[in-house]
Amino acid sequence: KLLRWSLIGVSLLYVLILLLAPFAGIVWIALKEGFSAITDTLTRSDV
């Protein structure tokens, strides 16, 4: 049981560090300038 929960914990830690943390960083940088910056970016002709 201890080994099972240890493996689950390591897997969750791997997901959090390598997958969710970078994704959260992208979300924070993308949205930190507010809604107006979002609309300005998504309506640009080159975008």
All heavy atoms as atom14 arrays in JSON, in Angstrom:
{
  "sequence": "KLLRWSLIGVSLLYVLILLLAPFAGIVWIALKEGFSAITDTLTRSDV",
  "atom14_mask": [
    [1, 1, 1, 1, 1, 1, 1, 1, 1, 0, 0, 0, 0, 0],
    [1, 1, 1, 1, 1, 1, 1, 1, 0, 0, 0, 0, 0, 0],
    [1, 1, 1, 1, 1, 1, 1, 1, 0, 0, 0, 0, 0, 0],
    [1, 1, 1, 1, 1, 1, 1, 1, 1, 1, 1, 0, 0, 0],
    [1, 1, 1, 1, 1, 1, 1, 1, 1, 1, 1, 1, 1, 1],
    [1, 1, 1, 1, 1, 1, 0, 0, 0, 0, 0, 0, 0, 0],
    [1, 1, 1, 1, 1, 1, 1, 1, 0, 0, 0, 0, 0, 0],
    [1, 1, 1, 1, 1, 1, 1, 1, 0, 0, 0, 0, 0, 0],
    [1, 1, 1, 1, 0, 0, 0, 0, 0, 0, 0, 0, 0, 0],
    [1, 1, 1, 1, 1, 1, 1, 0, 0, 0, 0, 0, 0, 0],
    [1, 1, 1, 1, 1, 1, 0, 0, 0, 0, 0, 0, 0, 0],
    [1, 1, 1, 1, 1, 1, 1, 1, 0, 0, 0, 0, 0, 0],
    [1, 1, 1, 1, 1, 1, 1, 1, 0, 0, 0, 0, 0, 0],
    [1, 1, 1, 1, 1, 1, 1, 1, 1, 1, 1, 1, 0, 0],
    [1, 1, 1, 1, 1, 1, 1, 0, 0, 0, 0, 0, 0, 0],
    [1, 1, 1, 1, 1, 1, 1, 1, 0, 0, 0, 0, 0, 0],
    [1, 1, 1, 1, 1, 1, 1, 1, 0, 0, 0, 0, 0, 0],
    [1, 1, 1, 1, 1, 1, 1, 1, 0, 0, 0, 0, 0, 0],
    [1, 1, 1, 1, 1, 1, 1, 1, 0, 0, 0, 0, 0, 0],
    [1, 1, 1, 1, 1, 1, 1, 1, 0, 0, 0, 0, 0, 0],
    [1, 1, 1, 1, 1, 0, 0, 0, 0, 0, 0, 0, 0, 0],
    [1, 1, 1, 1, 1, 1, 1, 0, 0, 0, 0, 0, 0, 0],
    [1, 1, 1, 1, 1, 1, 1, 1, 1, 1, 1, 0, 0, 0],
    [1, 1, 1, 1, 1, 0, 0, 0, 0, 0, 0, 0, 0, 0],
    [1, 1, 1, 1, 0, 0, 0, 0, 0, 0, 0, 0, 0, 0],
    [1, 1, 1, 1, 1, 1, 1, 1, 0, 0, 0, 0, 0, 0],
    [1, 1, 1, 1, 1, 1, 1, 0, 0, 0, 0, 0, 0, 0],
    [1, 1, 1, 1, 1, 1, 1, 1, 1, 1, 1, 1, 1, 1],
    [1, 1, 1, 1, 1, 1, 1, 1, 0, 0, 0, 0, 0, 0],
    [1, 1, 1, 1, 1, 0, 0, 0, 0, 0, 0, 0, 0, 0],
    [1, 1, 1, 1, 1, 1, 1, 1, 0, 0, 0, 0, 0, 0],
    [1, 1, 1, 1, 1, 1, 1, 1, 1, 0, 0, 0, 0, 0],
    [1, 1, 1, 1, 1, 1, 1, 1, 1, 0, 0, 0, 0, 0],
    [1, 1, 1, 1, 0, 0, 0, 0, 0, 0, 0, 0, 0, 0],
    [1, 1, 1, 1, 1, 1, 1, 1, 1, 1, 1, 0, 0, 0],
    [1, 1, 1, 1, 1, 1, 0, 0, 0, 0, 0, 0, 0, 0],
    [1, 1, 1, 1, 1, 0, 0, 0, 0, 0, 0, 0, 0, 0],
    [1, 1, 1, 1, 1, 1, 1, 1, 0, 0, 0, 0, 0, 0],
    [1, 1, 1, 1, 1, 1, 1, 0, 0, 0, 0, 0, 0, 0],
    [1, 1, 1, 1, 1, 1, 1, 1, 0, 0, 0, 0, 0, 0],
    [1, 1, 1, 1, 1, 1, 1, 0, 0, 0, 0, 0, 0, 0],
    [1, 1, 1, 1, 1, 1, 1, 1, 0, 0, 0, 0, 0, 0],
    [1, 1, 1, 1, 1, 1, 1, 0, 0, 0, 0, 0, 0, 0],
    [1, 1, 1, 1, 1, 1, 1, 1, 1, 1, 1, 0, 0, 0],
    [1, 1, 1, 1, 1, 1, 0, 0, 0, 0, 0, 0, 0, 0],
    [1, 1, 1, 1, 1, 1, 1, 1, 0, 0, 0, 0, 0, 0],
    [1, 1, 1, 1, 1, 1, 1, 0, 0, 0, 0, 0, 0, 0]
  ],
  "atom14_positions": [
    [[0.83, -1.21, 0.0], [0.0, 0.0, 0.0], [0.86, 1.25, 0.0], [0.59, 2.23, -0.73], [-0.92, -0.01, 1.21], [-1.95, 1.11, 1.2], [-2.91, 0.96, 2.37], [-3.96, 2.07, 2.34], [-4.92, 1.93, 3.48], [0.0, 0.0, 0.0], [0.0, 0.0, 0.0], [0.0, 0.0, 0.0], [0.0, 0.0, 0.0], [0.0, 0.0, 0.0]],
    [[1.96, 1.24, 0.8], [2.87, 2.38, 0.84], [3.54, 2.59, -0.51], [3.68, 3.73, -0.99], [3.92, 2.16, 1.93], [5.0, 3.25, 2.06], [4.36, 4.58, 2.42], [6.04, 2.84, 3.11], [0.0, 0.0, 0.0], [0.0, 0.0, 0.0], [0.0, 0.0, 0.0], [0.0, 0.0, 0.0], [0.0, 0.0, 0.0], [0.0, 0.0, 0.0]],
    [[3.96, 1.47, -1.14], [4.6, 1.56, -2.45], [3.62, 2.11, -3.48], [3.99, 2.95, -4.32], [5.11, 0.18, -2.88], [5.74, 0.09, -4.27], [6.96, 0.99, -4.36], [6.11, -1.35, -4.6], [0.0, 0.0, 0.0], [0.0, 0.0, 0.0], [0.0, 0.0, 0.0], [0.0, 0.0, 0.0], [0.0, 0.0, 0.0], [0.0, 0.0, 0.0]],
    [[2.38, 1.65, -3.42], [1.35, 2.12, -4.37], [1.14, 3.62, -4.25], [1.15, 4.34, -5.25], [0.06, 1.36, -4.12], [-1.12, 1.82, -4.96], [-2.31, 0.9, -4.75], [-3.5, 1.39, -5.43], [-4.41, 2.18, -4.87], [-4.27, 2.55, -3.6], [-5.45, 2.58, -5.55], [0.0, 0.0, 0.0], [0.0, 0.0, 0.0], [0.0, 0.0, 0.0]],
    [[0.96, 4.09, -3.02], [0.72, 5.53, -2.85], [1.97, 6.36, -3.15], [1.88, 7.51, -3.58], [0.24, 5.8, -1.42], [-1.19, 5.42, -1.24], [-1.7, 4.36, -0.55], [-2.33, 6.12, -1.79], [-3.08, 4.33, -0.63], [-3.49, 5.4, -1.38], [-2.49, 7.25, -2.56], [-4.77, 5.8, -1.73], [-3.76, 7.64, -2.91], [-4.89, 6.93, -2.5]],
    [[3.14, 5.77, -2.96], [4.38, 6.48, -3.32], [4.48, 6.68, -4.82], [4.85, 7.75, -5.3], [5.6, 5.69, -2.81], [5.58, 5.6, -1.4], [0.0, 0.0, 0.0], [0.0, 0.0, 0.0], [0.0, 0.0, 0.0], [0.0, 0.0, 0.0], [0.0, 0.0, 0.0], [0.0, 0.0, 0.0], [0.0, 0.0, 0.0], [0.0, 0.0, 0.0]],
    [[4.13, 5.62, -5.58], [4.14, 5.73, -7.04], [3.12, 6.75, -7.52], [3.39, 7.54, -8.44], [3.87, 4.36, -7.67], [4.96, 3.3, -7.48], [4.5, 1.96, -8.04], [6.25, 3.74, -8.15], [0.0, 0.0, 0.0], [0.0, 0.0, 0.0], [0.0, 0.0, 0.0], [0.0, 0.0, 0.0], [0.0, 0.0, 0.0], [0.0, 0.0, 0.0]],
    [[1.94, 6.75, -6.91], [0.93, 7.74, -7.27], [1.42, 9.15, -6.98], [1.24, 10.07, -7.78], [-0.39, 7.45, -6.53], [-1.0, 6.13, -7.02], [-1.39, 8.59, -6.73], [-2.22, 5.7, -6.24], [0.0, 0.0, 0.0], [0.0, 0.0, 0.0], [0.0, 0.0, 0.0], [0.0, 0.0, 0.0], [0.0, 0.0, 0.0], [0.0, 0.0, 0.0]],
    [[2.06, 9.32, -5.82], [2.57, 10.65, -5.46], [3.64, 11.13, -6.41], [3.65, 12.3, -6.81], [0.0, 0.0, 0.0], [0.0, 0.0, 0.0], [0.0, 0.0, 0.0], [0.0, 0.0, 0.0], [0.0, 0.0, 0.0], [0.0, 0.0, 0.0], [0.0, 0.0, 0.0], [0.0, 0.0, 0.0], [0.0, 0.0, 0.0], [0.0, 0.0, 0.0]],
    [[4.56, 10.23, -6.8], [5.62, 10.61, -7.75], [5.02, 10.99, -9.1], [5.43, 11.97, -9.74], [6.63, 9.45, -7.9], [7.6, 9.73, -9.05], [7.41, 9.26, -6.61], [0.0, 0.0, 0.0], [0.0, 0.0, 0.0], [0.0, 0.0, 0.0], [0.0, 0.0, 0.0], [0.0, 0.0, 0.0], [0.0, 0.0, 0.0], [0.0, 0.0, 0.0]],
    [[4.01, 10.23, -9.56], [3.37, 10.53, -10.84], [2.68, 11.88, -10.8], [2.8, 12.68, -11.74], [2.36, 9.43, -11.19], [2.98, 8.17, -11.28], [0.0, 0.0, 0.0], [0.0, 0.0, 0.0], [0.0, 0.0, 0.0], [0.0, 0.0, 0.0], [0.0, 0.0, 0.0], [0.0, 0.0, 0.0], [0.0, 0.0, 0.0], [0.0, 0.0, 0.0]],
    [[1.96, 12.16, -9.71], [1.29, 13.45, -9.58], [2.29, 14.59, -9.53], [2.07, 15.66, -10.13], [0.41, 13.46, -8.33], [-0.85, 12.59, -8.37], [-1.55, 12.6, -7.03], [-1.79, 13.07, -9.47], [0.0, 0.0, 0.0], [0.0, 0.0, 0.0], [0.0, 0.0, 0.0], [0.0, 0.0, 0.0], [0.0, 0.0, 0.0], [0.0, 0.0, 0.0]],
    [[3.39, 14.38, -8.83], [4.43, 15.42, -8.75], [5.03, 15.69, -10.13], [5.28, 16.84, -10.5], [5.52, 14.99, -7.77], [6.63, 16.0, -7.49], [6.03, 17.24, -6.82], [7.71, 15.39, -6.59], [0.0, 0.0, 0.0], [0.0, 0.0, 0.0], [0.0, 0.0, 0.0], [0.0, 0.0, 0.0], [0.0, 0.0, 0.0], [0.0, 0.0, 0.0]],
    [[5.24, 14.61, -10.88], [5.77, 14.76, -12.25], [4.82, 15.58, -13.11], [5.24, 16.49, -13.83], [5.97, 13.37, -12.86], [6.19, 13.37, -14.35], [7.42, 13.68, -14.9], [5.15, 13.06, -15.23], [7.62, 13.69, -16.26], [5.34, 13.06, -16.59], [6.58, 13.37, -17.1], [6.76, 13.39, -18.45], [0.0, 0.0, 0.0], [0.0, 0.0, 0.0]],
    [[3.53, 15.27, -13.02], [2.53, 16.01, -13.81], [2.5, 17.47, -13.39], [2.46, 18.38, -14.24], [1.14, 15.36, -13.67], [0.07, 16.24, -14.31], [1.13, 13.98, -14.29], [0.0, 0.0, 0.0], [0.0, 0.0, 0.0], [0.0, 0.0, 0.0], [0.0, 0.0, 0.0], [0.0, 0.0, 0.0], [0.0, 0.0, 0.0], [0.0, 0.0, 0.0]],
    [[2.54, 17.73, -12.1], [2.46, 19.1, -11.61], [3.66, 19.93, -12.04], [3.53, 21.08, -12.46], [2.33, 19.1, -10.08], [1.0, 18.62, -9.51], [1.08, 18.51, -8.0], [-0.12, 19.57, -9.91], [0.0, 0.0, 0.0], [0.0, 0.0, 0.0], [0.0, 0.0, 0.0], [0.0, 0.0, 0.0], [0.0, 0.0, 0.0], [0.0, 0.0, 0.0]],
    [[4.86, 19.34, -11.96], [6.08, 20.09, -12.24], [6.29, 20.28, -13.73], [6.56, 21.39, -14.2], [7.3, 19.38, -11.61], [7.2, 19.43, -10.08], [8.6, 20.04, -12.06], [8.31, 18.69, -9.37], [0.0, 0.0, 0.0], [0.0, 0.0, 0.0], [0.0, 0.0, 0.0], [0.0, 0.0, 0.0], [0.0, 0.0, 0.0], [0.0, 0.0, 0.0]],
    [[6.16, 19.22, -14.5], [6.52, 19.27, -15.91], [5.38, 19.67, -16.84], [5.64, 20.11, -17.96], [7.09, 17.92, -16.36], [8.41, 17.49, -15.71], [8.88, 16.18, -16.32], [9.48, 18.56, -15.87], [0.0, 0.0, 0.0], [0.0, 0.0, 0.0], [0.0, 0.0, 0.0], [0.0, 0.0, 0.0], [0.0, 0.0, 0.0], [0.0, 0.0, 0.0]],
    [[4.14, 19.52, -16.41], [3.02, 19.8, -17.28], [2.18, 20.98, -16.81], [2.03, 21.98, -17.51], [2.14, 18.55, -17.43], [2.83, 17.32, -18.06], [1.87, 16.15, -18.12], [3.34, 17.64, -19.44], [0.0, 0.0, 0.0], [0.0, 0.0, 0.0], [0.0, 0.0, 0.0], [0.0, 0.0, 0.0], [0.0, 0.0, 0.0], [0.0, 0.0, 0.0]],
    [[1.65, 20.88, -15.6], [0.72, 21.91, -15.14], [1.42, 23.22, -14.8], [0.87, 24.3, -15.04], [-0.05, 21.4, -13.92], [-0.99, 20.22, -14.19], [-1.77, 19.86, -12.93], [-1.97, 20.55, -15.32], [0.0, 0.0, 0.0], [0.0, 0.0, 0.0], [0.0, 0.0, 0.0], [0.0, 0.0, 0.0], [0.0, 0.0, 0.0], [0.0, 0.0, 0.0]],
    [[2.62, 23.17, -14.22], [3.32, 24.4, -13.86], [3.65, 25.26, -15.08], [3.37, 26.47, -15.09], [4.59, 24.06, -13.06], [0.0, 0.0, 0.0], [0.0, 0.0, 0.0], [0.0, 0.0, 0.0], [0.0, 0.0, 0.0], [0.0, 0.0, 0.0], [0.0, 0.0, 0.0], [0.0, 0.0, 0.0], [0.0, 0.0, 0.0], [0.0, 0.0, 0.0]],
    [[4.23, 24.7, -16.17], [4.45, 25.53, -17.36], [3.16, 26.07, -17.96], [3.11, 27.22, -18.42], [5.16, 24.57, -18.33], [5.78, 23.55, -17.47], [4.84, 23.37, -16.33], [0.0, 0.0, 0.0], [0.0, 0.0, 0.0], [0.0, 0.0, 0.0], [0.0, 0.0, 0.0], [0.0, 0.0, 0.0], [0.0, 0.0, 0.0], [0.0, 0.0, 0.0]],
    [[2.11, 25.24, -17.95], [0.83, 25.69, -18.49], [0.28, 26.85, -17.66], [-0.25, 27.82, -18.21], [-0.16, 24.53, -18.52], [-1.46, 24.86, -19.2], [-1.54, 24.9, -20.57], [-2.6, 25.13, -18.46], [-2.73, 25.2, -21.22], [-3.8, 25.44, -19.08], [-3.86, 25.48, -20.46], [0.0, 0.0, 0.0], [0.0, 0.0, 0.0], [0.0, 0.0, 0.0]],
    [[0.4, 26.75, -16.35], [-0.05, 27.84, -15.49], [0.75, 29.11, -15.75], [0.21, 30.22, -15.73], [0.06, 27.43, -14.03], [0.0, 0.0, 0.0], [0.0, 0.0, 0.0], [0.0, 0.0, 0.0], [0.0, 0.0, 0.0], [0.0, 0.0, 0.0], [0.0, 0.0, 0.0], [0.0, 0.0, 0.0], [0.0, 0.0, 0.0], [0.0, 0.0, 0.0]],
    [[2.06, 28.95, -16.01], [2.88, 30.12, -16.33], [2.44, 30.8, -17.62], [2.41, 32.04, -17.7], [0.0, 0.0, 0.0], [0.0, 0.0, 0.0], [0.0, 0.0, 0.0], [0.0, 0.0, 0.0], [0.0, 0.0, 0.0], [0.0, 0.0, 0.0], [0.0, 0.0, 0.0], [0.0, 0.0, 0.0], [0.0, 0.0, 0.0], [0.0, 0.0, 0.0]],
    [[2.09, 29.99, -18.62], [1.6, 30.55, -19.88], [0.31, 31.32, -19.66], [0.12, 32.42, -20.17], [1.41, 29.43, -20.92], [2.75, 28.83, -21.32], [0.67, 29.95, -22.15], [2.64, 27.66, -22.27], [0.0, 0.0, 0.0], [0.0, 0.0, 0.0], [0.0, 0.0, 0.0], [0.0, 0.0, 0.0], [0.0, 0.0, 0.0], [0.0, 0.0, 0.0]],
    [[-0.59, 30.74, -18.87], [-1.87, 31.4, -18.59], [-1.64, 32.73, -17.89], [-2.25, 33.76, -18.24], [-2.77, 30.49, -17.73], [-4.01, 31.23, -17.27], [-3.15, 29.24, -18.5], [0.0, 0.0, 0.0], [0.0, 0.0, 0.0], [0.0, 0.0, 0.0], [0.0, 0.0, 0.0], [0.0, 0.0, 0.0], [0.0, 0.0, 0.0], [0.0, 0.0, 0.0]],
    [[-0.75, 32.76, -16.92], [-0.51, 33.99, -16.15], [0.07, 35.1, -17.03], [-0.38, 36.24, -17.0], [0.42, 33.7, -14.98], [0.68, 34.92, -14.14], [-0.14, 35.47, -13.21], [1.85, 35.75, -14.2], [0.42, 36.59, -12.66], [1.65, 36.79, -13.25], [3.03, 35.72, -14.93], [2.59, 37.78, -13.03], [3.98, 36.7, -14.7], [3.76, 37.72, -13.77]],
    [[1.08, 34.76, -17.83], [1.69, 35.78, -18.69], [0.72, 36.25, -19.76], [0.66, 37.45, -20.09], [2.98, 35.22, -19.33], [4.02, 34.92, -18.26], [3.54, 36.21, -20.35], [5.28, 34.28, -18.78], [0.0, 0.0, 0.0], [0.0, 0.0, 0.0], [0.0, 0.0, 0.0], [0.0, 0.0, 0.0], [0.0, 0.0, 0.0], [0.0, 0.0, 0.0]],
    [[-0.08, 35.33, -20.31], [-1.0, 35.69, -21.39], [-2.12, 36.6, -20.9], [-2.58, 37.47, -21.65], [-1.58, 34.43, -22.02], [0.0, 0.0, 0.0], [0.0, 0.0, 0.0], [0.0, 0.0, 0.0], [0.0, 0.0, 0.0], [0.0, 0.0, 0.0], [0.0, 0.0, 0.0], [0.0, 0.0, 0.0], [0.0, 0.0, 0.0], [0.0, 0.0, 0.0]],
    [[-2.55, 36.41, -19.66], [-3.73, 37.14, -19.18], [-3.41, 38.29, -18.25], [-4.32, 39.01, -17.83], [-4.68, 36.16, -18.46], [-5.14, 34.95, -19.28], [-6.08, 34.09, -18.43], [-5.81, 35.37, -20.58], [0.0, 0.0, 0.0], [0.0, 0.0, 0.0], [0.0, 0.0, 0.0], [0.0, 0.0, 0.0], [0.0, 0.0, 0.0], [0.0, 0.0, 0.0]],
    [[-2.14, 38.49, -17.93], [-1.82, 39.49, -16.91], [-2.07, 40.92, -17.36], [-2.25, 41.8, -16.52], [-0.36, 39.34, -16.49], [0.66, 39.71, -17.55], [2.08, 39.6, -17.02], [3.11, 39.99, -18.07], [4.49, 39.93, -17.55], [0.0, 0.0, 0.0], [0.0, 0.0, 0.0], [0.0, 0.0, 0.0], [0.0, 0.0, 0.0], [0.0, 0.0, 0.0]],
    [[-2.12, 41.18, -18.68], [-2.34, 42.55, -19.16], [-3.81, 42.89, -19.35], [-4.14, 43.98, -19.8], [-1.58, 42.77, -20.47], [-0.07, 42.7, -20.29], [0.68, 43.14, -21.54], [0.01, 43.59, -22.51], [1.91, 43.03, -21.57], [0.0, 0.0, 0.0], [0.0, 0.0, 0.0], [0.0, 0.0, 0.0], [0.0, 0.0, 0.0], [0.0, 0.0, 0.0]],
    [[-4.7, 41.96, -19.05], [-6.11, 42.27, -19.05], [-6.84, 41.92, -20.33], [-6.25, 41.49, -21.34], [0.0, 0.0, 0.0], [0.0, 0.0, 0.0], [0.0, 0.0, 0.0], [0.0, 0.0, 0.0], [0.0, 0.0, 0.0], [0.0, 0.0, 0.0], [0.0, 0.0, 0.0], [0.0, 0.0, 0.0], [0.0, 0.0, 0.0], [0.0, 0.0, 0.0]],
    [[-8.16, 42.13, -20.28], [-9.04, 41.74, -21.38], [-8.76, 42.56, -22.64], [-8.87, 42.05, -23.76], [-10.5, 41.92, -20.95], [-11.48, 41.49, -21.99], [-11.73, 40.15, -22.22], [-12.15, 42.43, -22.76], [-12.64, 39.74, -23.19], [-13.05, 42.04, -23.73], [-13.3, 40.69, -23.95], [0.0, 0.0, 0.0], [0.0, 0.0, 0.0], [0.0, 0.0, 0.0]],
    [[-8.43, 43.85, -22.49], [-8.19, 44.7, -23.66], [-7.01, 44.2, -24.47], [-7.03, 44.23, -25.71], [-7.96, 46.14, -23.22], [-6.82, 46.23, -22.36], [0.0, 0.0, 0.0], [0.0, 0.0, 0.0], [0.0, 0.0, 0.0], [0.0, 0.0, 0.0], [0.0, 0.0, 0.0], [0.0, 0.0, 0.0], [0.0, 0.0, 0.0], [0.0, 0.0, 0.0]],
    [[-5.96, 43.74, -23.78], [-4.8, 43.2, -24.49], [-5.15, 41.93, -25.25], [-4.64, 41.68, -26.35], [-3.66, 42.93, -23.5], [0.0, 0.0, 0.0], [0.0, 0.0, 0.0], [0.0, 0.0, 0.0], [0.0, 0.0, 0.0], [0.0, 0.0, 0.0], [0.0, 0.0, 0.0], [0.0, 0.0, 0.0], [0.0, 0.0, 0.0], [0.0, 0.0, 0.0]],
    [[-6.07, 41.14, -24.67], [-6.5, 39.91, -25.34], [-7.23, 40.23, -26.64], [-6.94, 39.67, -27.69], [-7.39, 39.09, -24.4], [-6.59, 38.64, -23.17], [-7.97, 37.88, -25.13], [-7.42, 37.92, -22.14], [0.0, 0.0, 0.0], [0.0, 0.0, 0.0], [0.0, 0.0, 0.0], [0.0, 0.0, 0.0], [0.0, 0.0, 0.0], [0.0, 0.0, 0.0]],
    [[-8.19, 41.15, -26.56], [-8.95, 41.5, -27.76], [-8.06, 42.17, -28.81], [-8.22, 41.91, -30.01], [-10.11, 42.43, -27.39], [-9.6, 43.59, -26.7], [-11.11, 41.72, -26.51], [0.0, 0.0, 0.0], [0.0, 0.0, 0.0], [0.0, 0.0, 0.0], [0.0, 0.0, 0.0], [0.0, 0.0, 0.0], [0.0, 0.0, 0.0], [0.0, 0.0, 0.0]],
    [[-7.12, 43.01, -28.36], [-6.21, 43.67, -29.32], [-5.35, 42.65, -30.04], [-5.13, 42.76, -31.26], [-5.32, 44.67, -28.58], [-6.08, 45.89, -28.1], [-7.21, 46.12, -28.59], [-5.57, 46.59, -27.2], [0.0, 0.0, 0.0], [0.0, 0.0, 0.0], [0.0, 0.0, 0.0], [0.0, 0.0, 0.0], [0.0, 0.0, 0.0], [0.0, 0.0, 0.0]],
    [[-4.89, 41.63, -29.32], [-4.03, 40.61, -29.94], [-4.81, 39.74, -30.9], [-4.38, 39.51, -32.04], [-3.39, 39.73, -28.85], [-2.58, 40.54, -27.99], [-2.53, 38.64, -29.48], [0.0, 0.0, 0.0], [0.0, 0.0, 0.0], [0.0, 0.0, 0.0], [0.0, 0.0, 0.0], [0.0, 0.0, 0.0], [0.0, 0.0, 0.0], [0.0, 0.0, 0.0]],
    [[-5.96, 39.27, -30.47], [-6.72, 38.33, -31.28], [-7.38, 38.97, -32.5], [-7.85, 38.25, -33.39], [-7.79, 37.63, -30.42], [-7.25, 36.77, -29.27], [-8.4, 36.12, -28.52], [-6.26, 35.73, -29.77], [0.0, 0.0, 0.0], [0.0, 0.0, 0.0], [0.0, 0.0, 0.0], [0.0, 0.0, 0.0], [0.0, 0.0, 0.0], [0.0, 0.0, 0.0]],
    [[-7.46, 40.3, -32.53], [-8.06, 40.97, -33.69], [-7.01, 41.57, -34.63], [-7.39, 42.17, -35.64], [-9.0, 42.09, -33.22], [-8.3, 42.99, -32.34], [-10.2, 41.5, -32.48], [0.0, 0.0, 0.0], [0.0, 0.0, 0.0], [0.0, 0.0, 0.0], [0.0, 0.0, 0.0], [0.0, 0.0, 0.0], [0.0, 0.0, 0.0], [0.0, 0.0, 0.0]],
    [[-5.75, 41.4, -34.32], [-4.7, 41.89, -35.21], [-4.71, 41.1, -36.51], [-4.95, 39.88, -36.51], [-3.33, 41.79, -34.55], [-3.11, 42.78, -33.42], [-1.78, 42.57, -32.74], [-0.66, 42.51, -33.69], [0.61, 42.44, -33.33], [0.92, 42.39, -32.04], [1.56, 42.4, -34.24], [0.0, 0.0, 0.0], [0.0, 0.0, 0.0], [0.0, 0.0, 0.0]],
    [[-4.45, 41.78, -37.61], [-4.54, 41.13, -38.92], [-3.53, 40.0, -39.07], [-3.84, 38.95, -39.66], [-4.33, 42.16, -40.04], [-3.06, 42.78, -39.92], [0.0, 0.0, 0.0], [0.0, 0.0, 0.0], [0.0, 0.0, 0.0], [0.0, 0.0, 0.0], [0.0, 0.0, 0.0], [0.0, 0.0, 0.0], [0.0, 0.0, 0.0], [0.0, 0.0, 0.0]],
    [[-2.3, 40.19, -38.55], [-1.3, 39.14, -38.69], [-1.65, 37.92, -37.83], [-1.38, 36.78, -38.22], [0.09, 39.66, -38.35], [0.16, 40.29, -36.97], [-0.9, 40.6, -36.41], [1.28, 40.49, -36.47], [0.0, 0.0, 0.0], [0.0, 0.0, 0.0], [0.0, 0.0, 0.0], [0.0, 0.0, 0.0], [0.0, 0.0, 0.0], [0.0, 0.0, 0.0]],
    [[-2.3, 38.15, -36.69], [-2.7, 37.03, -35.84], [-3.86, 36.26, -36.47], [-3.84, 35.02, -36.52], [-3.09, 37.53, -34.43], [-3.64, 36.39, -33.59], [-1.89, 38.15, -33.74], [0.0, 0.0, 0.0], [0.0, 0.0, 0.0], [0.0, 0.0, 0.0], [0.0, 0.0, 0.0], [0.0, 0.0, 0.0], [0.0, 0.0, 0.0], [0.0, 0.0, 0.0]]
  ]
}
